[in-house]
Amino acid sequence: MSDQYERVVFRVPAVGILAALLLAACATPIAVTLRYGWLVYLVPLVIIVFVMRTRTVADGNGMVARTFFGRTVVPWDALRSLRVQEKSWVKAVLDGGREVTLPAVRTGSIPLLSQVSGGIVPDPSAPVEDPAAEPAETSAEEEAVEETGKPAENAE
């Protein structure tokens, strides 16, 4: 199995639907007693639609940020950088300076975006190799162990 992903979907956690259903159950006494109390059920309905619709889909061509009212397509070649907001929100900065919020994408998701984009989005968790770094010098004791297979005290 390969570590390379072809498509990744970032969603709002589905437990939000459970919370909306609980809210609807708690609102039932209000909905039954008031004349237009049934309108209270619109709030849980809006929450459910929000949870089911809001997401970010990333594939080899780019990202699609889908919100409650619309969607924005962000091709990889139009992406300038990613900007991390407070509370770990991530925004895509496009060529013209326009920013697009990526729903359900957090800072911990950036390595997945890096894999899907084929390296266009840099992976901040990847180890950085320093080309100027030289290999560490070995001590005389380590060289003696390599030559004889015994520590320097016993090597004679």
N, C-alpha and C. Protein backbone atom coordinates (compact mmCIF):
# COMPACT_ATOMS: atom_id res chain seq x y z
N MET A 1 0.84 -1.18 0.00
CA MET A 1 0.00 0.00 0.00
C MET A 1 0.89 1.24 0.00
N SER A 2 0.59 2.19 -0.81
CA SER A 2 1.39 3.39 -0.96
C SER A 2 0.98 4.45 0.05
N ASP A 3 1.96 5.28 0.45
CA ASP A 3 1.67 6.39 1.35
C ASP A 3 1.16 7.60 0.58
N GLN A 4 1.16 7.54 -0.73
CA GLN A 4 0.71 8.66 -1.57
C GLN A 4 -0.81 8.62 -1.71
N TYR A 5 -1.47 9.71 -1.40
CA TYR A 5 -2.92 9.81 -1.52
C TYR A 5 -3.27 10.50 -2.82
N GLU A 6 -4.33 10.03 -3.48
CA GLU A 6 -4.79 10.65 -4.72
C GLU A 6 -5.86 11.70 -4.44
N ARG A 7 -6.64 11.49 -3.38
CA ARG A 7 -7.74 12.41 -3.04
C ARG A 7 -7.97 12.35 -1.55
N VAL A 8 -8.10 13.52 -0.94
CA VAL A 8 -8.35 13.61 0.49
C VAL A 8 -9.54 14.55 0.71
N VAL A 9 -10.46 14.15 1.58
CA VAL A 9 -11.62 14.96 1.90
C VAL A 9 -11.55 15.33 3.38
N PHE A 10 -11.57 16.64 3.66
CA PHE A 10 -11.59 17.15 5.02
C PHE A 10 -13.01 17.60 5.32
N ARG A 11 -13.65 16.99 6.31
CA ARG A 11 -15.04 17.30 6.64
C ARG A 11 -15.18 17.82 8.06
N VAL A 12 -16.28 18.51 8.30
CA VAL A 12 -16.67 18.87 9.64
C VAL A 12 -17.08 17.56 10.33
N PRO A 13 -16.68 17.33 11.57
CA PRO A 13 -17.02 16.06 12.23
C PRO A 13 -18.52 15.79 12.25
N ALA A 14 -18.88 14.56 11.95
CA ALA A 14 -20.29 14.17 11.84
C ALA A 14 -21.01 14.17 13.18
N VAL A 15 -20.28 14.29 14.26
CA VAL A 15 -20.94 14.36 15.56
C VAL A 15 -21.79 15.62 15.67
N GLY A 16 -21.56 16.58 14.79
CA GLY A 16 -22.40 17.78 14.75
C GLY A 16 -23.84 17.46 14.41
N ILE A 17 -24.06 16.41 13.63
CA ILE A 17 -25.43 15.99 13.30
C ILE A 17 -26.12 15.47 14.56
N LEU A 18 -25.36 14.73 15.36
CA LEU A 18 -25.92 14.23 16.61
C LEU A 18 -26.29 15.39 17.53
N ALA A 19 -25.45 16.39 17.58
CA ALA A 19 -25.74 17.58 18.40
C ALA A 19 -26.99 18.29 17.90
N ALA A 20 -27.17 18.36 16.58
CA ALA A 20 -28.36 19.01 16.02
C ALA A 20 -29.62 18.22 16.35
N LEU A 21 -29.53 16.90 16.31
CA LEU A 21 -30.68 16.07 16.67
C LEU A 21 -31.02 16.20 18.15
N LEU A 22 -30.02 16.31 18.97
CA LEU A 22 -30.25 16.53 20.40
C LEU A 22 -30.91 17.89 20.64
N LEU A 23 -30.45 18.89 19.90
CA LEU A 23 -31.07 20.21 19.99
C LEU A 23 -32.54 20.17 19.57
N ALA A 24 -32.83 19.40 18.52
CA ALA A 24 -34.22 19.27 18.07
C ALA A 24 -35.08 18.60 19.14
N ALA A 25 -34.53 17.59 19.79
CA ALA A 25 -35.28 16.90 20.85
C ALA A 25 -35.55 17.85 22.03
N CYS A 26 -34.55 18.66 22.35
CA CYS A 26 -34.73 19.60 23.47
C CYS A 26 -35.69 20.74 23.10
N ALA A 27 -35.82 21.04 21.83
CA ALA A 27 -36.70 22.13 21.39
C ALA A 27 -38.14 21.67 21.21
N THR A 28 -38.42 20.40 21.33
CA THR A 28 -39.76 19.88 21.11
C THR A 28 -40.80 20.50 22.05
N PRO A 29 -40.52 20.68 23.34
CA PRO A 29 -41.55 21.34 24.19
C PRO A 29 -41.90 22.74 23.69
N ILE A 30 -40.93 23.48 23.20
CA ILE A 30 -41.21 24.83 22.67
C ILE A 30 -42.01 24.72 21.38
N ALA A 31 -41.64 23.77 20.52
CA ALA A 31 -42.32 23.61 19.24
C ALA A 31 -43.78 23.20 19.41
N VAL A 32 -44.08 22.46 20.45
CA VAL A 32 -45.44 21.97 20.67
C VAL A 32 -46.32 23.04 21.32
N THR A 33 -45.76 23.84 22.20
CA THR A 33 -46.59 24.77 22.97
C THR A 33 -46.85 26.10 22.27
N LEU A 34 -45.93 26.55 21.44
CA LEU A 34 -46.12 27.85 20.79
C LEU A 34 -46.82 27.69 19.45
N ARG A 35 -47.49 28.76 19.02
CA ARG A 35 -48.22 28.72 17.75
C ARG A 35 -47.28 28.48 16.57
N TYR A 36 -46.19 29.22 16.50
CA TYR A 36 -45.20 29.02 15.41
C TYR A 36 -43.92 28.37 15.95
N GLY A 37 -44.10 27.53 16.93
CA GLY A 37 -42.97 26.87 17.56
C GLY A 37 -42.24 25.90 16.64
N TRP A 38 -42.90 25.44 15.63
CA TRP A 38 -42.25 24.50 14.69
C TRP A 38 -41.06 25.16 13.99
N LEU A 39 -41.02 26.50 13.96
CA LEU A 39 -39.88 27.20 13.34
C LEU A 39 -38.57 26.94 14.09
N VAL A 40 -38.68 26.52 15.35
CA VAL A 40 -37.49 26.19 16.13
C VAL A 40 -36.72 25.05 15.48
N TYR A 41 -37.41 24.18 14.80
CA TYR A 41 -36.76 23.04 14.13
C TYR A 41 -35.89 23.46 12.95
N LEU A 42 -36.01 24.70 12.50
CA LEU A 42 -35.16 25.17 11.40
C LEU A 42 -33.69 25.27 11.83
N VAL A 43 -33.46 25.59 13.09
CA VAL A 43 -32.07 25.72 13.58
C VAL A 43 -31.33 24.39 13.48
N PRO A 44 -31.86 23.28 14.00
CA PRO A 44 -31.16 22.01 13.83
C PRO A 44 -31.02 21.59 12.36
N LEU A 45 -32.02 21.94 11.56
CA LEU A 45 -31.95 21.61 10.13
C LEU A 45 -30.79 22.34 9.46
N VAL A 46 -30.62 23.61 9.78
CA VAL A 46 -29.51 24.39 9.22
C VAL A 46 -28.16 23.81 9.68
N ILE A 47 -28.09 23.41 10.94
CA ILE A 47 -26.84 22.81 11.44
C ILE A 47 -26.52 21.52 10.69
N ILE A 48 -27.51 20.69 10.46
CA ILE A 48 -27.29 19.43 9.74
C ILE A 48 -26.82 19.69 8.31
N VAL A 49 -27.45 20.63 7.63
CA VAL A 49 -27.04 20.96 6.26
C VAL A 49 -25.61 21.50 6.25
N PHE A 50 -25.28 22.34 7.24
CA PHE A 50 -23.92 22.88 7.33
C PHE A 50 -22.89 21.76 7.51
N VAL A 51 -23.16 20.82 8.41
CA VAL A 51 -22.22 19.73 8.67
C VAL A 51 -22.06 18.85 7.44
N MET A 52 -23.13 18.57 6.74
CA MET A 52 -23.06 17.67 5.58
C MET A 52 -22.44 18.34 4.36
N ARG A 53 -22.58 19.64 4.22
CA ARG A 53 -22.12 20.33 3.02
C ARG A 53 -20.70 20.86 3.13
N THR A 54 -20.29 21.37 4.28
CA THR A 54 -19.01 22.05 4.42
C THR A 54 -17.87 21.04 4.42
N ARG A 55 -16.91 21.27 3.49
CA ARG A 55 -15.75 20.37 3.37
C ARG A 55 -14.71 20.97 2.43
N THR A 56 -13.53 20.39 2.45
CA THR A 56 -12.48 20.71 1.49
C THR A 56 -12.03 19.41 0.86
N VAL A 57 -12.02 19.37 -0.47
CA VAL A 57 -11.58 18.19 -1.21
C VAL A 57 -10.31 18.56 -1.95
N ALA A 58 -9.25 17.78 -1.74
CA ALA A 58 -7.98 18.01 -2.42
C ALA A 58 -7.63 16.79 -3.26
N ASP A 59 -7.22 17.04 -4.50
CA ASP A 59 -6.78 15.96 -5.38
C ASP A 59 -5.60 16.44 -6.20
N GLY A 60 -5.23 15.72 -7.22
CA GLY A 60 -4.06 16.06 -8.03
C GLY A 60 -4.20 17.36 -8.80
N ASN A 61 -5.41 17.83 -9.04
CA ASN A 61 -5.63 19.06 -9.80
C ASN A 61 -5.67 20.31 -8.93
N GLY A 62 -6.08 20.17 -7.68
CA GLY A 62 -6.19 21.32 -6.79
C GLY A 62 -7.12 21.02 -5.63
N MET A 63 -7.68 22.08 -5.09
CA MET A 63 -8.59 21.94 -3.95
C MET A 63 -9.93 22.58 -4.28
N VAL A 64 -10.97 22.04 -3.68
CA VAL A 64 -12.31 22.63 -3.78
C VAL A 64 -12.78 22.87 -2.35
N ALA A 65 -12.98 24.13 -2.01
CA ALA A 65 -13.47 24.52 -0.69
C ALA A 65 -14.97 24.74 -0.80
N ARG A 66 -15.75 23.86 -0.19
CA ARG A 66 -17.20 23.95 -0.27
C ARG A 66 -17.73 24.49 1.06
N THR A 67 -18.47 25.58 0.99
CA THR A 67 -19.06 26.18 2.19
C THR A 67 -20.57 26.03 2.13
N PHE A 68 -21.25 26.62 3.08
CA PHE A 68 -22.70 26.53 3.16
C PHE A 68 -23.37 27.12 1.93
N PHE A 69 -22.82 28.22 1.41
CA PHE A 69 -23.49 28.92 0.30
C PHE A 69 -22.82 28.76 -1.06
N GLY A 70 -21.66 28.17 -1.15
CA GLY A 70 -21.01 28.06 -2.44
C GLY A 70 -19.75 27.22 -2.37
N ARG A 71 -18.96 27.31 -3.45
CA ARG A 71 -17.71 26.58 -3.49
C ARG A 71 -16.68 27.38 -4.25
N THR A 72 -15.42 27.14 -3.90
CA THR A 72 -14.32 27.83 -4.55
C THR A 72 -13.31 26.78 -5.00
N VAL A 73 -12.93 26.83 -6.27
CA VAL A 73 -11.94 25.91 -6.81
C VAL A 73 -10.59 26.60 -6.78
N VAL A 74 -9.59 25.92 -6.21
CA VAL A 74 -8.24 26.46 -6.11
C VAL A 74 -7.29 25.49 -6.81
N PRO A 75 -6.88 25.79 -8.06
CA PRO A 75 -5.90 24.91 -8.71
C PRO A 75 -4.53 25.08 -8.05
N TRP A 76 -3.72 24.02 -8.09
CA TRP A 76 -2.41 24.07 -7.42
C TRP A 76 -1.52 25.18 -7.99
N ASP A 77 -1.62 25.44 -9.29
CA ASP A 77 -0.74 26.47 -9.87
C ASP A 77 -1.14 27.89 -9.47
N ALA A 78 -2.36 28.09 -8.96
CA ALA A 78 -2.79 29.41 -8.50
C ALA A 78 -2.49 29.64 -7.02
N LEU A 79 -2.05 28.59 -6.34
CA LEU A 79 -1.79 28.67 -4.91
C LEU A 79 -0.41 29.28 -4.67
N ARG A 80 -0.39 30.36 -3.90
CA ARG A 80 0.88 31.01 -3.55
C ARG A 80 1.42 30.45 -2.24
N SER A 81 0.57 30.34 -1.22
CA SER A 81 0.99 29.82 0.08
C SER A 81 -0.23 29.46 0.90
N LEU A 82 0.04 28.89 2.07
CA LEU A 82 -1.01 28.62 3.04
C LEU A 82 -0.77 29.53 4.24
N ARG A 83 -1.83 30.07 4.78
CA ARG A 83 -1.72 30.95 5.94
C ARG A 83 -2.47 30.33 7.09
N VAL A 84 -1.79 30.19 8.22
CA VAL A 84 -2.41 29.59 9.40
C VAL A 84 -3.00 30.70 10.25
N GLN A 85 -4.27 30.58 10.54
CA GLN A 85 -5.01 31.56 11.33
C GLN A 85 -5.00 31.13 12.80
N GLU A 86 -5.58 31.97 13.64
CA GLU A 86 -5.78 31.60 15.03
C GLU A 86 -6.63 30.33 15.09
N LYS A 87 -6.45 29.58 16.16
CA LYS A 87 -7.20 28.35 16.39
C LYS A 87 -6.97 27.32 15.30
N SER A 88 -5.84 27.36 14.64
CA SER A 88 -5.41 26.34 13.67
C SER A 88 -6.18 26.35 12.36
N TRP A 89 -6.92 27.40 12.04
CA TRP A 89 -7.59 27.48 10.74
C TRP A 89 -6.55 27.71 9.66
N VAL A 90 -6.78 27.16 8.48
CA VAL A 90 -5.84 27.31 7.36
C VAL A 90 -6.55 28.02 6.22
N LYS A 91 -5.87 29.01 5.65
CA LYS A 91 -6.39 29.72 4.47
C LYS A 91 -5.40 29.55 3.33
N ALA A 92 -5.93 29.45 2.12
CA ALA A 92 -5.10 29.39 0.92
C ALA A 92 -4.95 30.81 0.38
N VAL A 93 -3.70 31.21 0.15
CA VAL A 93 -3.42 32.53 -0.42
C VAL A 93 -3.16 32.32 -1.91
N LEU A 94 -3.97 33.00 -2.75
CA LEU A 94 -3.87 32.82 -4.19
C LEU A 94 -2.95 33.87 -4.81
N ASP A 95 -2.70 33.75 -6.11
CA ASP A 95 -1.77 34.63 -6.80
C ASP A 95 -2.12 36.11 -6.65
N GLY A 96 -3.36 36.46 -6.73
CA GLY A 96 -3.75 37.87 -6.63
C GLY A 96 -3.80 38.40 -5.21
N GLY A 97 -3.41 37.60 -4.23
CA GLY A 97 -3.47 38.01 -2.84
C GLY A 97 -4.78 37.65 -2.17
N ARG A 98 -5.72 37.11 -2.93
CA ARG A 98 -7.01 36.71 -2.37
C ARG A 98 -6.83 35.50 -1.47
N GLU A 99 -7.55 35.47 -0.36
CA GLU A 99 -7.48 34.36 0.57
C GLU A 99 -8.77 33.57 0.56
N VAL A 100 -8.63 32.25 0.59
CA VAL A 100 -9.78 31.35 0.60
C VAL A 100 -9.66 30.48 1.85
N THR A 101 -10.68 30.53 2.70
CA THR A 101 -10.69 29.67 3.88
C THR A 101 -10.92 28.23 3.45
N LEU A 102 -10.13 27.32 3.98
CA LEU A 102 -10.26 25.90 3.68
C LEU A 102 -11.01 25.24 4.83
N PRO A 103 -12.33 25.00 4.65
CA PRO A 103 -13.13 24.43 5.74
C PRO A 103 -12.60 23.07 6.18
N ALA A 104 -12.57 22.87 7.48
CA ALA A 104 -12.19 21.61 8.12
C ALA A 104 -10.71 21.26 7.95
N VAL A 105 -9.90 22.12 7.36
CA VAL A 105 -8.47 21.88 7.25
C VAL A 105 -7.79 22.56 8.42
N ARG A 106 -7.00 21.79 9.14
CA ARG A 106 -6.27 22.29 10.30
C ARG A 106 -4.77 22.18 10.02
N THR A 107 -3.97 22.72 10.92
CA THR A 107 -2.52 22.67 10.72
C THR A 107 -2.00 21.25 10.66
N GLY A 108 -2.61 20.34 11.36
CA GLY A 108 -2.19 18.94 11.31
C GLY A 108 -2.50 18.26 9.98
N SER A 109 -3.32 18.89 9.15
CA SER A 109 -3.69 18.33 7.86
C SER A 109 -2.74 18.73 6.74
N ILE A 110 -1.83 19.66 7.00
CA ILE A 110 -0.95 20.16 5.95
C ILE A 110 -0.06 19.07 5.36
N PRO A 111 0.47 18.10 6.15
CA PRO A 111 1.23 17.01 5.52
C PRO A 111 0.42 16.21 4.49
N LEU A 112 -0.88 16.02 4.74
CA LEU A 112 -1.73 15.33 3.75
C LEU A 112 -1.88 16.16 2.48
N LEU A 113 -2.04 17.48 2.65
CA LEU A 113 -2.11 18.35 1.47
C LEU A 113 -0.81 18.29 0.69
N SER A 114 0.30 18.18 1.37
CA SER A 114 1.60 18.08 0.70
C SER A 114 1.68 16.81 -0.15
N GLN A 115 1.19 15.71 0.39
CA GLN A 115 1.21 14.45 -0.36
C GLN A 115 0.29 14.51 -1.57
N VAL A 116 -0.90 15.04 -1.39
CA VAL A 116 -1.87 15.10 -2.49
C VAL A 116 -1.38 16.03 -3.59
N SER A 117 -0.76 17.15 -3.19
CA SER A 117 -0.31 18.13 -4.18
C SER A 117 0.97 17.72 -4.89
N GLY A 118 1.57 16.63 -4.45
CA GLY A 118 2.81 16.20 -5.09
C GLY A 118 4.00 17.07 -4.68
N GLY A 119 3.93 17.68 -3.51
CA GLY A 119 5.03 18.50 -3.02
C GLY A 119 4.88 19.98 -3.31
N ILE A 120 3.83 20.40 -3.98
CA ILE A 120 3.61 21.83 -4.24
C ILE A 120 3.41 22.57 -2.92
N VAL A 121 2.63 21.96 -2.04
CA VAL A 121 2.49 22.48 -0.68
C VAL A 121 3.61 21.84 0.13
N PRO A 122 4.53 22.62 0.67
CA PRO A 122 5.62 22.01 1.44
C PRO A 122 5.13 21.39 2.74
N ASP A 123 5.73 20.28 3.11
CA ASP A 123 5.37 19.57 4.33
C ASP A 123 6.20 20.13 5.48
N PRO A 124 5.56 20.83 6.43
CA PRO A 124 6.34 21.41 7.53
C PRO A 124 6.87 20.37 8.50
N SER A 125 6.33 19.16 8.49
CA SER A 125 6.79 18.14 9.42
C SER A 125 7.90 17.27 8.84
N ALA A 126 8.24 17.47 7.58
CA ALA A 126 9.29 16.67 6.96
C ALA A 126 10.65 17.11 7.48
N PRO A 127 11.56 16.15 7.68
CA PRO A 127 12.90 16.53 8.14
C PRO A 127 13.63 17.30 7.04
N VAL A 128 14.34 18.33 7.46
CA VAL A 128 15.06 19.17 6.51
C VAL A 128 16.51 18.70 6.46
N GLU A 129 16.96 18.42 5.26
CA GLU A 129 18.35 18.01 5.10
C GLU A 129 19.19 19.24 4.82
N ASP A 130 20.28 19.38 5.56
CA ASP A 130 21.18 20.51 5.40
C ASP A 130 22.32 20.08 4.48
N PRO A 131 22.38 20.59 3.25
CA PRO A 131 23.43 20.15 2.34
C PRO A 131 24.83 20.56 2.79
N ALA A 132 24.93 21.58 3.64
CA ALA A 132 26.23 22.04 4.10
C ALA A 132 26.73 21.23 5.29
N ALA A 133 25.86 20.42 5.88
CA ALA A 133 26.26 19.64 7.04
C ALA A 133 27.24 18.56 6.63
N GLU A 134 28.32 18.45 7.39
CA GLU A 134 29.32 17.42 7.14
C GLU A 134 29.08 16.28 8.09
N PRO A 135 29.48 15.08 7.70
CA PRO A 135 29.31 13.97 8.63
C PRO A 135 30.15 14.20 9.88
N ALA A 136 29.62 13.76 11.00
CA ALA A 136 30.33 13.95 12.26
C ALA A 136 31.62 13.16 12.26
N GLU A 137 32.66 13.73 12.84
CA GLU A 137 33.95 13.05 12.90
C GLU A 137 33.88 11.96 13.95
N THR A 138 34.50 10.84 13.65
CA THR A 138 34.50 9.74 14.60
C THR A 138 35.70 9.88 15.52
N SER A 139 35.50 9.48 16.74
CA SER A 139 36.58 9.57 17.71
C SER A 139 37.54 8.40 17.53
N ALA A 140 38.68 8.48 18.16
CA ALA A 140 39.68 7.42 18.06
C ALA A 140 39.14 6.13 18.64
N GLU A 141 38.32 6.22 19.68
CA GLU A 141 37.76 5.02 20.28
C GLU A 141 36.80 4.34 19.33
N GLU A 142 35.96 5.12 18.63
CA GLU A 142 35.03 4.53 17.66
C GLU A 142 35.78 3.91 16.50
N GLU A 143 36.89 4.51 16.06
CA GLU A 143 37.69 3.93 14.98
C GLU A 143 38.31 2.61 15.41
N ALA A 144 38.75 2.51 16.65
CA ALA A 144 39.34 1.28 17.15
C ALA A 144 38.30 0.17 17.19
N VAL A 145 37.09 0.52 17.57
CA VAL A 145 36.01 -0.47 17.60
C VAL A 145 35.71 -0.95 16.19
N GLU A 146 35.71 -0.03 15.23
CA GLU A 146 35.43 -0.41 13.85
C GLU A 146 36.50 -1.33 13.29
N GLU A 147 37.77 -1.06 13.62
CA GLU A 147 38.87 -1.86 13.08
C GLU A 147 38.95 -3.23 13.71
N THR A 148 38.83 -3.31 15.03
CA THR A 148 39.05 -4.58 15.72
C THR A 148 37.77 -5.25 16.18
N GLY A 149 36.73 -4.49 16.29
CA GLY A 149 35.49 -5.05 16.78
C GLY A 149 35.46 -5.07 18.29
N LYS A 150 36.49 -4.55 18.94
CA LYS A 150 36.56 -4.52 20.40
C LYS A 150 36.75 -3.08 20.84
N PRO A 151 36.37 -2.74 22.07
CA PRO A 151 36.62 -1.39 22.58
C PRO A 151 38.11 -1.10 22.60
N ALA A 152 38.47 0.21 22.65
CA ALA A 152 39.85 0.63 22.55
C ALA A 152 40.71 0.10 23.68
N GLU A 153 40.14 -0.17 24.85
CA GLU A 153 40.93 -0.66 25.98
C GLU A 153 41.46 -2.07 25.69
N ASN A 154 40.66 -2.88 25.03
CA ASN A 154 41.04 -4.26 24.77
C ASN A 154 41.74 -4.43 23.43
N ALA A 155 41.75 -3.39 22.64
CA ALA A 155 42.38 -3.50 21.31
C ALA A 155 43.86 -3.33 21.43
N GLU A 156 44.60 -4.37 21.16
CA GLU A 156 46.07 -4.30 21.19
C GLU A 156 46.66 -5.06 20.07
